[in-house]
Amino acid sequence: MSRKLFDILASSAGVVVVVVLVIAGGLLTWGHSFVNTNVHNQLAQQQIYFPPKAAFEHPKAGTEITPSMIPSVSQYAGQQLLTGQQAKTYANDFIAVHLSEMPYGGVYSRISAAALANPKNTQVAALKQTSFTGTTLRGLLLEAYAFSTIGTIMLWGAIASFVAAACLSVLVGLGFWHARRTEVDERMLARDAVPAS
């Protein structure tokens, strides 16, 4: 095969790959933007706020603020919950702690079973409702965190696509440049004739 033809074919294939990478990067960027905007808007509508800074001054087990919340929850003191990372912190380090301090560990299925076994017990019925509310909110916040994480992965995928497209564009340019400098009759992997002795 002619070296010139090979350079043109390989470089043309490279152009196709560059176009695919740029389209993929664009779609991933759009996906990242869509996910982050959607997560932000949905969380903003819930109007959830972290406890104010003053609440973290005297943490005590069994109260609104426990000592375990200081390293994670306190960093967002007084802020509105708007991001996936905030949602994860609120769900795992605030709601989950309060649920775990409830009877039956706050596990809805266990509390529900107790409520079914004692249908006239109003305390267990109230506990069931509280557990259901907390567990549901926690699950929804963790969904927001999951989608936020997917959005971040899309952003990194977009960056990787654009970097790969840029690198391949340079190689494609070098391929076409080499094709222009190569003689039409130059063969690939052609062996030089060995002179007869």
Protein backbone atom coordinates (compact mmCIF):
# COMPACT_ATOMS: atom_id res chain seq x y z
CA MET A 1 0.00 0.00 0.00
CA SER A 2 1.15 3.49 -0.75
CA ARG A 3 2.41 5.37 2.30
CA LYS A 4 0.63 8.52 1.13
CA LEU A 5 -2.70 6.69 0.79
CA PHE A 6 -2.27 5.11 4.22
CA ASP A 7 -1.59 8.54 5.81
CA ILE A 8 -4.71 10.00 4.16
CA LEU A 9 -6.95 7.09 5.19
CA ALA A 10 -5.65 7.00 8.79
CA SER A 11 -5.95 10.77 9.14
CA SER A 12 -9.47 10.75 7.67
CA ALA A 13 -10.50 8.07 10.18
CA GLY A 14 -8.96 10.27 12.87
CA VAL A 15 -11.14 13.19 11.75
CA VAL A 16 -14.23 11.00 12.23
CA VAL A 17 -13.08 10.02 15.73
CA VAL A 18 -12.38 13.69 16.60
CA VAL A 19 -15.92 14.63 15.51
CA VAL A 20 -17.39 11.78 17.59
CA LEU A 21 -15.33 12.85 20.64
CA VAL A 22 -16.41 16.48 20.30
CA ILE A 23 -20.09 15.45 20.00
CA ALA A 24 -19.71 13.13 23.02
CA GLY A 25 -18.04 15.91 25.00
CA GLY A 26 -20.83 18.31 24.08
CA LEU A 27 -23.54 15.84 25.11
CA LEU A 28 -21.76 15.05 28.38
CA THR A 29 -21.41 18.78 29.12
CA TRP A 30 -25.11 19.27 28.45
CA GLY A 31 -25.92 16.26 30.68
CA HIS A 32 -23.77 17.66 33.49
CA SER A 33 -25.47 21.04 33.26
CA PHE A 34 -28.95 19.50 33.13
CA VAL A 35 -28.35 17.25 36.14
CA ASN A 36 -26.82 19.99 38.29
CA THR A 37 -29.54 22.50 37.43
CA ASN A 38 -32.28 19.95 38.07
CA VAL A 39 -30.78 18.82 41.41
CA HIS A 40 -30.32 22.44 42.52
CA ASN A 41 -33.85 23.48 41.53
CA GLN A 42 -35.51 20.45 43.13
CA LEU A 43 -33.60 20.91 46.38
CA ALA A 44 -34.25 24.66 46.43
CA GLN A 45 -38.01 24.03 46.25
CA GLN A 46 -37.83 21.94 49.43
CA GLN A 47 -36.47 24.92 51.41
CA ILE A 48 -34.39 22.75 53.75
CA TYR A 49 -31.85 24.61 55.89
CA PHE A 50 -29.05 23.29 58.05
CA PRO A 51 -29.30 24.26 61.72
CA PRO A 52 -27.75 27.66 62.51
CA LYS A 53 -24.16 27.98 63.68
CA ALA A 54 -25.27 28.62 67.27
CA ALA A 55 -26.87 25.16 67.41
CA PHE A 56 -23.47 23.51 67.03
CA GLU A 57 -21.92 25.25 70.05
CA HIS A 58 -23.22 22.73 72.60
CA PRO A 59 -23.62 19.32 70.93
CA LYS A 60 -25.13 16.61 73.09
CA ALA A 61 -26.28 13.09 72.33
CA GLY A 62 -30.06 12.82 72.06
CA THR A 63 -30.55 16.47 71.08
CA GLU A 64 -30.86 18.16 67.70
CA ILE A 65 -27.08 18.40 67.36
CA THR A 66 -24.97 15.46 68.46
CA PRO A 67 -21.16 15.41 68.70
CA SER A 68 -20.97 13.16 65.60
CA MET A 69 -22.47 15.98 63.50
CA ILE A 70 -19.73 18.51 64.23
CA PRO A 71 -17.17 17.38 61.61
CA SER A 72 -19.65 17.07 58.73
CA VAL A 73 -22.94 18.89 59.29
CA SER A 74 -21.47 21.99 60.99
CA GLN A 75 -19.58 23.01 57.83
CA TYR A 76 -22.95 23.89 56.27
CA ALA A 77 -24.40 25.63 59.36
CA GLY A 78 -27.25 27.98 58.44
CA GLN A 79 -26.99 27.26 54.69
CA GLN A 80 -29.84 26.19 52.46
CA LEU A 81 -29.50 22.64 51.16
CA LEU A 82 -28.86 23.09 47.40
CA THR A 83 -26.16 20.62 46.29
CA GLY A 84 -25.76 16.88 46.07
CA GLN A 85 -22.93 16.87 48.61
CA GLN A 86 -25.05 18.84 51.06
CA ALA A 87 -27.91 16.39 50.49
CA LYS A 88 -25.63 13.45 51.29
CA THR A 89 -24.38 15.10 54.47
CA TYR A 90 -27.89 16.02 55.63
CA ALA A 91 -29.20 12.52 54.85
CA ASN A 92 -26.36 10.46 56.33
CA ASP A 93 -25.05 12.67 59.12
CA PHE A 94 -28.19 14.46 60.32
CA ILE A 95 -31.37 12.50 59.49
CA ALA A 96 -29.75 9.05 59.84
CA VAL A 97 -28.35 9.96 63.26
CA HIS A 98 -31.79 11.05 64.50
CA LEU A 99 -33.41 7.94 63.04
CA SER A 100 -30.84 5.69 64.72
CA GLU A 101 -31.66 7.25 68.11
CA MET A 102 -35.34 6.30 67.78
CA PRO A 103 -36.77 3.03 69.15
CA TYR A 104 -36.14 0.06 66.85
CA GLY A 105 -33.15 2.00 65.48
CA GLY A 106 -35.58 4.10 63.46
CA VAL A 107 -35.89 1.30 60.89
CA TYR A 108 -39.30 1.76 59.26
CA SER A 109 -39.97 -1.92 58.60
CA ARG A 110 -39.38 -2.81 62.26
CA ILE A 111 -41.52 0.06 63.53
CA SER A 112 -44.25 -0.77 61.03
CA ALA A 113 -44.25 -4.40 62.18
CA ALA A 114 -44.59 -3.22 65.80
CA ALA A 115 -47.46 -0.89 64.80
CA LEU A 116 -49.26 -3.75 63.04
CA ALA A 117 -48.80 -5.97 66.08
CA ASN A 118 -50.18 -3.23 68.38
CA PRO A 119 -52.74 -1.26 66.31
CA LYS A 120 -54.11 0.59 69.35
CA ASN A 121 -50.71 1.88 70.48
CA THR A 122 -50.75 5.55 69.44
CA GLN A 123 -47.10 6.08 70.40
CA VAL A 124 -45.94 3.38 67.99
CA ALA A 125 -48.28 4.77 65.30
CA ALA A 126 -46.73 8.23 65.72
CA LEU A 127 -43.27 6.68 65.71
CA LYS A 128 -44.15 4.88 62.46
CA GLN A 129 -45.16 8.18 60.81
CA THR A 130 -41.99 9.94 62.00
CA SER A 131 -39.80 7.08 60.78
CA PHE A 132 -41.60 7.01 57.43
CA THR A 133 -41.14 10.76 56.96
CA GLY A 134 -37.47 10.71 57.94
CA THR A 135 -36.66 7.61 55.90
CA THR A 136 -38.45 9.00 52.84
CA LEU A 137 -36.70 12.36 53.04
CA ARG A 138 -33.37 10.64 53.56
CA GLY A 139 -33.96 8.46 50.49
CA LEU A 140 -34.94 11.43 48.33
CA LEU A 141 -31.86 13.39 49.42
CA LEU A 142 -29.62 10.43 48.64
CA GLU A 143 -31.23 10.24 45.18
CA ALA A 144 -30.29 13.89 44.65
CA TYR A 145 -26.73 13.06 45.75
CA ALA A 146 -26.60 10.10 43.34
CA PHE A 147 -27.73 12.23 40.40
CA SER A 148 -25.27 14.93 41.41
CA THR A 149 -22.49 12.33 41.36
CA ILE A 150 -23.60 11.19 37.89
CA GLY A 151 -23.42 14.84 36.79
CA THR A 152 -19.86 15.09 38.10
CA ILE A 153 -18.89 11.91 36.24
CA MET A 154 -20.40 13.41 33.08
CA LEU A 155 -18.25 16.53 33.55
CA TRP A 156 -15.08 14.44 33.85
CA GLY A 157 -16.15 12.42 30.80
CA ALA A 158 -16.67 15.65 28.85
CA ILE A 159 -13.23 16.93 29.83
CA ALA A 160 -11.64 13.61 28.84
CA SER A 161 -13.49 13.68 25.49
CA PHE A 162 -12.38 17.22 24.69
CA VAL A 163 -8.75 16.50 25.70
CA ALA A 164 -8.70 13.32 23.61
CA ALA A 165 -10.22 15.22 20.66
CA ALA A 166 -7.56 17.93 20.96
CA CYS A 167 -4.70 15.39 21.12
CA LEU A 168 -6.10 13.41 18.20
CA SER A 169 -6.57 16.62 16.20
CA VAL A 170 -2.84 17.25 16.49
CA LEU A 171 -2.10 13.70 15.31
CA VAL A 172 -4.57 14.07 12.42
CA GLY A 173 -2.90 17.31 11.40
CA LEU A 174 0.51 15.63 11.49
CA GLY A 175 -0.88 12.74 9.45
CA PHE A 176 -2.15 15.04 6.69
CA TRP A 177 1.09 17.05 6.83
CA HIS A 178 3.11 13.84 6.39
CA ALA A 179 0.84 12.72 3.53
CA ARG A 180 1.55 15.97 1.65
CA ARG A 181 5.30 15.48 2.00
CA THR A 182 5.26 11.82 0.94
CA GLU A 183 5.82 10.78 -2.67
CA VAL A 184 2.93 8.98 -4.38
CA ASP A 185 5.02 5.91 -5.22
CA GLU A 186 6.55 5.49 -1.75
CA ARG A 187 5.47 2.14 -0.34
CA MET A 188 4.81 1.20 3.25
CA LEU A 189 7.27 -1.22 4.82
CA ALA A 190 9.19 -1.42 1.58
CA ARG A 191 12.56 -3.14 1.94
CA ASP A 192 15.58 -1.63 0.34
CA ALA A 193 17.06 -3.83 -2.31
CA VAL A 194 20.14 -5.69 -1.11
CA PRO A 195 23.04 -5.12 -3.50
CA ALA A 196 24.41 -8.28 -5.11
CA SER A 197 27.93 -9.22 -4.02
